[in-house]
Amino acid sequence: TGCLYLQSSDRLDWYSNELLILAQELADRMLPAFDTPTGLPIPKINLRHSTFGIKDNETCTACAGTLFLEFAALTRYTGNSTYESRARAALDYLYKQRVPSSDLPGSVINVNNGKWVRKDSSVG
């Protein structure tokens, strides 16, 4: 993501933050995915229309949590805190929902009610 934005002193003469603009447009289209009762993003979204299917209510832990990295970086580059705050809320929710018997997150969670569909955890 470091190549998305270059400060004026480091900027190439021909580059005008086109990648950053595209990244922000993509993130804006993805934000409606976080509009769930839990704040966890739905797993599939139509990026052309920012719409999603009603059946898509289960997501894997990695899919719900990994957006924090990209959205936090985008917040740093754009100054728009919405990206990081929405992704951070999802990550915090996952942490609070850890499975009591293992104190780890499960592998699949329902984005509407926050219940684990699969309580198992693994590496890789």
N, C-alpha and C. Protein backbone atom coordinates (compact mmCIF):
# COMPACT_ATOMS: atom_id res chain seq x y z
N THR A 1 0.81 -1.21 0.00
CA THR A 1 0.00 0.00 0.00
C THR A 1 0.85 1.26 0.00
N GLY A 2 2.13 1.15 0.27
CA GLY A 2 2.98 2.32 0.29
C GLY A 2 3.10 3.01 -1.06
N CYS A 3 2.82 2.28 -2.13
CA CYS A 3 2.92 2.91 -3.45
C CYS A 3 1.62 3.60 -3.85
N LEU A 4 0.59 3.52 -3.02
CA LEU A 4 -0.68 4.19 -3.34
C LEU A 4 -0.54 5.70 -3.25
N TYR A 5 0.24 6.14 -2.29
CA TYR A 5 0.34 7.57 -2.02
C TYR A 5 1.80 7.97 -1.90
N LEU A 6 2.18 8.95 -2.62
CA LEU A 6 3.54 9.47 -2.52
C LEU A 6 3.48 10.94 -2.12
N GLN A 7 4.28 11.31 -1.14
CA GLN A 7 4.33 12.72 -0.75
C GLN A 7 4.89 13.53 -1.91
N SER A 8 4.60 14.80 -1.91
CA SER A 8 4.99 15.65 -3.05
C SER A 8 6.49 15.60 -3.32
N SER A 9 7.30 15.46 -2.28
CA SER A 9 8.75 15.43 -2.49
C SER A 9 9.21 14.11 -3.11
N ASP A 10 8.41 13.04 -2.92
CA ASP A 10 8.77 11.73 -3.45
C ASP A 10 8.01 11.40 -4.73
N ARG A 11 7.11 12.25 -5.12
CA ARG A 11 6.19 11.95 -6.20
C ARG A 11 6.88 11.91 -7.55
N LEU A 12 6.47 10.94 -8.32
CA LEU A 12 6.91 10.87 -9.71
C LEU A 12 6.12 11.90 -10.49
N ASP A 13 6.72 12.52 -11.43
CA ASP A 13 6.07 13.60 -12.18
C ASP A 13 4.76 13.16 -12.83
N TRP A 14 4.69 11.91 -13.24
CA TRP A 14 3.52 11.43 -13.97
C TRP A 14 2.45 10.81 -13.08
N TYR A 15 2.72 10.66 -11.79
CA TYR A 15 1.77 9.97 -10.91
C TYR A 15 0.95 10.97 -10.10
N SER A 16 -0.38 10.79 -10.10
CA SER A 16 -1.28 11.70 -9.38
C SER A 16 -2.21 10.94 -8.44
N ASN A 17 -1.69 9.96 -7.71
CA ASN A 17 -2.44 9.18 -6.72
C ASN A 17 -3.61 8.39 -7.32
N GLU A 18 -3.48 7.96 -8.56
CA GLU A 18 -4.56 7.18 -9.18
C GLU A 18 -4.87 5.91 -8.42
N LEU A 19 -3.85 5.22 -7.93
CA LEU A 19 -4.09 3.98 -7.18
C LEU A 19 -4.82 4.25 -5.87
N LEU A 20 -4.47 5.33 -5.22
CA LEU A 20 -5.15 5.69 -3.99
C LEU A 20 -6.62 6.01 -4.25
N ILE A 21 -6.89 6.71 -5.32
CA ILE A 21 -8.27 7.05 -5.68
C ILE A 21 -9.07 5.78 -5.94
N LEU A 22 -8.48 4.83 -6.67
CA LEU A 22 -9.16 3.56 -6.95
C LEU A 22 -9.38 2.76 -5.66
N ALA A 23 -8.40 2.74 -4.79
CA ALA A 23 -8.53 2.01 -3.52
C ALA A 23 -9.65 2.61 -2.67
N GLN A 24 -9.75 3.92 -2.65
CA GLN A 24 -10.80 4.57 -1.88
C GLN A 24 -12.18 4.29 -2.50
N GLU A 25 -12.28 4.31 -3.82
CA GLU A 25 -13.55 3.98 -4.48
C GLU A 25 -13.97 2.55 -4.17
N LEU A 26 -13.02 1.63 -4.17
CA LEU A 26 -13.32 0.23 -3.84
C LEU A 26 -13.79 0.10 -2.40
N ALA A 27 -13.09 0.74 -1.49
CA ALA A 27 -13.48 0.68 -0.08
C ALA A 27 -14.86 1.29 0.14
N ASP A 28 -15.16 2.38 -0.54
CA ASP A 28 -16.50 2.98 -0.41
C ASP A 28 -17.59 2.02 -0.87
N ARG A 29 -17.30 1.23 -1.89
CA ARG A 29 -18.27 0.25 -2.37
C ARG A 29 -18.39 -0.94 -1.41
N MET A 30 -17.34 -1.19 -0.65
CA MET A 30 -17.35 -2.30 0.30
C MET A 30 -17.99 -1.95 1.64
N LEU A 31 -18.02 -0.68 2.00
CA LEU A 31 -18.53 -0.27 3.31
C LEU A 31 -19.94 -0.78 3.63
N PRO A 32 -20.87 -0.82 2.67
CA PRO A 32 -22.21 -1.35 3.01
C PRO A 32 -22.19 -2.79 3.51
N ALA A 33 -21.13 -3.54 3.24
CA ALA A 33 -21.03 -4.91 3.74
C ALA A 33 -20.98 -4.94 5.26
N PHE A 34 -20.56 -3.84 5.89
CA PHE A 34 -20.48 -3.78 7.35
C PHE A 34 -21.82 -3.41 8.00
N ASP A 35 -22.83 -3.13 7.20
CA ASP A 35 -24.14 -2.73 7.73
C ASP A 35 -24.95 -3.94 8.15
N THR A 36 -24.45 -4.65 9.12
CA THR A 36 -25.13 -5.84 9.68
C THR A 36 -25.38 -5.58 11.16
N PRO A 37 -26.26 -6.35 11.79
CA PRO A 37 -26.52 -6.14 13.22
C PRO A 37 -25.26 -6.27 14.09
N THR A 38 -24.30 -7.07 13.67
CA THR A 38 -23.09 -7.27 14.46
C THR A 38 -21.95 -6.33 14.05
N GLY A 39 -22.06 -5.75 12.87
CA GLY A 39 -20.97 -4.94 12.33
C GLY A 39 -19.94 -5.76 11.58
N LEU A 40 -20.12 -7.09 11.58
CA LEU A 40 -19.24 -7.96 10.80
C LEU A 40 -19.64 -7.84 9.33
N PRO A 41 -18.67 -7.79 8.43
CA PRO A 41 -19.03 -7.65 7.01
C PRO A 41 -19.60 -8.94 6.44
N ILE A 42 -20.58 -8.79 5.57
CA ILE A 42 -21.10 -9.96 4.87
C ILE A 42 -20.01 -10.44 3.91
N PRO A 43 -20.02 -11.72 3.56
CA PRO A 43 -18.90 -12.27 2.80
C PRO A 43 -18.89 -11.93 1.31
N LYS A 44 -20.04 -11.61 0.73
CA LYS A 44 -20.08 -11.34 -0.70
C LYS A 44 -20.88 -10.07 -0.96
N ILE A 45 -20.33 -9.20 -1.80
CA ILE A 45 -21.00 -7.96 -2.12
C ILE A 45 -20.82 -7.68 -3.62
N ASN A 46 -21.87 -7.17 -4.23
CA ASN A 46 -21.80 -6.77 -5.63
C ASN A 46 -21.16 -5.38 -5.64
N LEU A 47 -19.94 -5.30 -6.12
CA LEU A 47 -19.19 -4.04 -6.06
C LEU A 47 -19.71 -2.99 -7.04
N ARG A 48 -20.43 -3.42 -8.05
CA ARG A 48 -20.99 -2.45 -9.00
C ARG A 48 -22.14 -1.69 -8.36
N HIS A 49 -22.95 -2.39 -7.55
CA HIS A 49 -24.15 -1.78 -6.99
C HIS A 49 -24.12 -1.67 -5.46
N SER A 50 -23.04 -2.16 -4.84
CA SER A 50 -22.92 -2.19 -3.38
C SER A 50 -24.13 -2.88 -2.74
N THR A 51 -24.54 -3.98 -3.34
CA THR A 51 -25.66 -4.76 -2.81
C THR A 51 -25.17 -6.17 -2.51
N PHE A 52 -25.95 -6.89 -1.72
CA PHE A 52 -25.58 -8.25 -1.37
C PHE A 52 -26.83 -9.09 -1.22
N GLY A 53 -26.62 -10.40 -1.24
CA GLY A 53 -27.73 -11.33 -1.13
C GLY A 53 -28.13 -11.58 0.31
N ILE A 54 -29.38 -11.86 0.52
CA ILE A 54 -29.89 -12.11 1.87
C ILE A 54 -29.32 -13.41 2.44
N LYS A 55 -29.01 -14.39 1.59
CA LYS A 55 -28.52 -15.68 2.04
C LYS A 55 -27.09 -15.62 2.57
N ASP A 56 -26.36 -14.60 2.22
CA ASP A 56 -24.96 -14.50 2.61
C ASP A 56 -24.83 -13.99 4.04
N ASN A 57 -25.03 -14.89 5.00
CA ASN A 57 -25.00 -14.45 6.39
C ASN A 57 -23.92 -15.13 7.21
N GLU A 58 -23.08 -15.94 6.58
CA GLU A 58 -22.00 -16.60 7.29
C GLU A 58 -20.67 -16.21 6.66
N THR A 59 -19.69 -15.92 7.50
CA THR A 59 -18.37 -15.55 6.99
C THR A 59 -17.29 -16.22 7.83
N CYS A 60 -16.14 -16.42 7.23
CA CYS A 60 -15.03 -16.98 7.98
C CYS A 60 -14.36 -15.88 8.80
N THR A 61 -13.72 -16.28 9.85
CA THR A 61 -13.08 -15.34 10.76
C THR A 61 -12.04 -14.49 10.03
N ALA A 62 -11.25 -15.12 9.19
CA ALA A 62 -10.21 -14.38 8.46
C ALA A 62 -10.82 -13.32 7.55
N CYS A 63 -11.89 -13.67 6.87
CA CYS A 63 -12.54 -12.70 5.97
C CYS A 63 -13.07 -11.51 6.74
N ALA A 64 -13.63 -11.76 7.90
CA ALA A 64 -14.21 -10.68 8.70
C ALA A 64 -13.14 -9.82 9.36
N GLY A 65 -12.00 -10.40 9.70
CA GLY A 65 -10.99 -9.67 10.45
C GLY A 65 -9.86 -9.06 9.65
N THR A 66 -9.56 -9.62 8.50
CA THR A 66 -8.38 -9.17 7.76
C THR A 66 -8.55 -7.80 7.11
N LEU A 67 -9.78 -7.38 6.89
CA LEU A 67 -9.99 -6.06 6.28
C LEU A 67 -9.42 -4.93 7.13
N PHE A 68 -9.22 -5.21 8.42
CA PHE A 68 -8.69 -4.18 9.30
C PHE A 68 -7.33 -3.67 8.80
N LEU A 69 -6.48 -4.56 8.33
CA LEU A 69 -5.16 -4.15 7.87
C LEU A 69 -5.25 -3.18 6.70
N GLU A 70 -6.05 -3.55 5.70
CA GLU A 70 -6.16 -2.71 4.51
C GLU A 70 -6.89 -1.40 4.80
N PHE A 71 -7.96 -1.49 5.59
CA PHE A 71 -8.75 -0.29 5.88
C PHE A 71 -8.00 0.67 6.80
N ALA A 72 -7.19 0.14 7.70
CA ALA A 72 -6.38 1.01 8.57
C ALA A 72 -5.35 1.76 7.73
N ALA A 73 -4.72 1.07 6.79
CA ALA A 73 -3.75 1.73 5.91
C ALA A 73 -4.45 2.80 5.06
N LEU A 74 -5.63 2.48 4.57
CA LEU A 74 -6.36 3.45 3.75
C LEU A 74 -6.74 4.68 4.56
N THR A 75 -7.08 4.48 5.81
CA THR A 75 -7.37 5.62 6.69
C THR A 75 -6.14 6.51 6.82
N ARG A 76 -4.96 5.91 6.98
CA ARG A 76 -3.74 6.70 7.11
C ARG A 76 -3.48 7.54 5.86
N TYR A 77 -3.72 6.94 4.70
CA TYR A 77 -3.43 7.63 3.44
C TYR A 77 -4.48 8.67 3.07
N THR A 78 -5.74 8.45 3.47
CA THR A 78 -6.80 9.38 3.07
C THR A 78 -7.20 10.35 4.16
N GLY A 79 -6.94 9.98 5.41
CA GLY A 79 -7.41 10.80 6.53
C GLY A 79 -8.87 10.54 6.88
N ASN A 80 -9.51 9.59 6.20
CA ASN A 80 -10.91 9.26 6.45
C ASN A 80 -10.97 8.11 7.45
N SER A 81 -11.35 8.40 8.68
CA SER A 81 -11.34 7.40 9.75
C SER A 81 -12.46 6.37 9.64
N THR A 82 -13.40 6.59 8.75
CA THR A 82 -14.52 5.64 8.60
C THR A 82 -14.01 4.24 8.27
N TYR A 83 -13.04 4.14 7.40
CA TYR A 83 -12.56 2.83 6.98
C TYR A 83 -12.01 2.04 8.16
N GLU A 84 -11.12 2.64 8.91
CA GLU A 84 -10.52 1.93 10.04
C GLU A 84 -11.55 1.66 11.14
N SER A 85 -12.41 2.61 11.42
CA SER A 85 -13.36 2.42 12.53
C SER A 85 -14.35 1.30 12.24
N ARG A 86 -14.81 1.17 11.00
CA ARG A 86 -15.74 0.09 10.67
C ARG A 86 -15.06 -1.28 10.75
N ALA A 87 -13.84 -1.36 10.21
CA ALA A 87 -13.11 -2.62 10.25
C ALA A 87 -12.68 -2.95 11.68
N ARG A 88 -12.32 -1.94 12.45
CA ARG A 88 -11.90 -2.17 13.85
C ARG A 88 -13.07 -2.67 14.68
N ALA A 89 -14.26 -2.13 14.43
CA ALA A 89 -15.45 -2.60 15.16
C ALA A 89 -15.70 -4.07 14.88
N ALA A 90 -15.51 -4.50 13.64
CA ALA A 90 -15.70 -5.91 13.29
C ALA A 90 -14.65 -6.77 13.99
N LEU A 91 -13.41 -6.33 13.99
CA LEU A 91 -12.33 -7.07 14.64
C LEU A 91 -12.58 -7.17 16.15
N ASP A 92 -13.00 -6.08 16.77
CA ASP A 92 -13.31 -6.08 18.21
C ASP A 92 -14.47 -7.03 18.51
N TYR A 93 -15.47 -7.05 17.63
CA TYR A 93 -16.61 -7.94 17.84
C TYR A 93 -16.15 -9.40 17.80
N LEU A 94 -15.32 -9.74 16.82
CA LEU A 94 -14.80 -11.11 16.74
C LEU A 94 -14.07 -11.49 18.02
N TYR A 95 -13.26 -10.58 18.54
CA TYR A 95 -12.50 -10.86 19.76
C TYR A 95 -13.43 -11.12 20.94
N LYS A 96 -14.47 -10.32 21.06
CA LYS A 96 -15.41 -10.48 22.17
C LYS A 96 -16.22 -11.78 22.07
N GLN A 97 -16.34 -12.32 20.87
CA GLN A 97 -17.14 -13.53 20.65
C GLN A 97 -16.31 -14.81 20.78
N ARG A 98 -15.11 -14.75 21.32
CA ARG A 98 -14.29 -15.95 21.43
C ARG A 98 -15.06 -17.10 22.05
N VAL A 99 -14.75 -18.31 21.61
CA VAL A 99 -15.38 -19.52 22.13
C VAL A 99 -14.88 -19.73 23.57
N PRO A 100 -15.78 -19.80 24.56
CA PRO A 100 -15.36 -19.90 25.96
C PRO A 100 -14.45 -21.10 26.27
N SER A 101 -14.69 -22.24 25.66
CA SER A 101 -13.91 -23.43 25.99
C SER A 101 -12.45 -23.33 25.53
N SER A 102 -12.17 -22.55 24.49
CA SER A 102 -10.80 -22.45 23.99
C SER A 102 -10.22 -21.04 24.10
N ASP A 103 -11.07 -20.05 24.32
CA ASP A 103 -10.69 -18.64 24.34
C ASP A 103 -10.12 -18.19 22.99
N LEU A 104 -10.52 -18.90 21.93
CA LEU A 104 -10.11 -18.57 20.57
C LEU A 104 -11.36 -18.30 19.74
N PRO A 105 -11.21 -17.56 18.65
CA PRO A 105 -12.38 -17.40 17.78
C PRO A 105 -12.63 -18.69 17.01
N GLY A 106 -13.88 -18.91 16.65
CA GLY A 106 -14.20 -20.05 15.79
C GLY A 106 -13.77 -19.75 14.37
N SER A 107 -14.17 -20.60 13.43
CA SER A 107 -13.73 -20.40 12.05
C SER A 107 -14.81 -19.81 11.16
N VAL A 108 -16.09 -19.96 11.52
CA VAL A 108 -17.18 -19.40 10.72
C VAL A 108 -18.22 -18.81 11.68
N ILE A 109 -18.67 -17.58 11.39
CA ILE A 109 -19.60 -16.88 12.27
C ILE A 109 -20.76 -16.32 11.45
N ASN A 110 -21.93 -16.27 12.06
CA ASN A 110 -23.11 -15.68 11.44
C ASN A 110 -23.03 -14.17 11.66
N VAL A 111 -23.04 -13.39 10.58
CA VAL A 111 -22.87 -11.95 10.68
C VAL A 111 -24.11 -11.24 11.20
N ASN A 112 -25.25 -11.93 11.22
CA ASN A 112 -26.48 -11.30 11.70
C ASN A 112 -26.71 -11.50 13.19
N ASN A 113 -26.41 -12.69 13.70
CA ASN A 113 -26.67 -12.92 15.12
C ASN A 113 -25.41 -13.13 15.96
N GLY A 114 -24.23 -13.19 15.34
CA GLY A 114 -22.97 -13.32 16.07
C GLY A 114 -22.70 -14.69 16.65
N LYS A 115 -23.48 -15.69 16.27
CA LYS A 115 -23.27 -17.04 16.78
C LYS A 115 -22.30 -17.78 15.87
N TRP A 116 -21.48 -18.61 16.50
CA TRP A 116 -20.50 -19.37 15.74
C TRP A 116 -21.21 -20.50 14.99
N VAL A 117 -20.92 -20.61 13.71
CA VAL A 117 -21.43 -21.70 12.90
C VAL A 117 -20.46 -22.88 13.04
N ARG A 118 -19.17 -22.55 13.09
CA ARG A 118 -18.12 -23.55 13.36
C ARG A 118 -17.25 -22.99 14.48
N LYS A 119 -17.17 -23.72 15.57
CA LYS A 119 -16.42 -23.25 16.73
C LYS A 119 -14.96 -23.69 16.72
N ASP A 120 -14.58 -24.47 15.73
CA ASP A 120 -13.21 -24.96 15.68
C ASP A 120 -12.25 -23.83 15.28
N SER A 121 -11.00 -23.97 15.72
CA SER A 121 -9.94 -23.02 15.36
C SER A 121 -8.78 -23.81 14.81
N SER A 122 -8.03 -23.20 13.91
CA SER A 122 -6.87 -23.88 13.35
C SER A 122 -5.86 -22.85 12.87
N VAL A 123 -4.69 -23.34 12.54
CA VAL A 123 -3.67 -22.49 11.96
C VAL A 123 -3.52 -22.91 10.49
N GLY A 124 -3.68 -21.95 9.62
CA GLY A 124 -3.49 -22.24 8.20
C GLY A 124 -4.68 -22.73 7.47
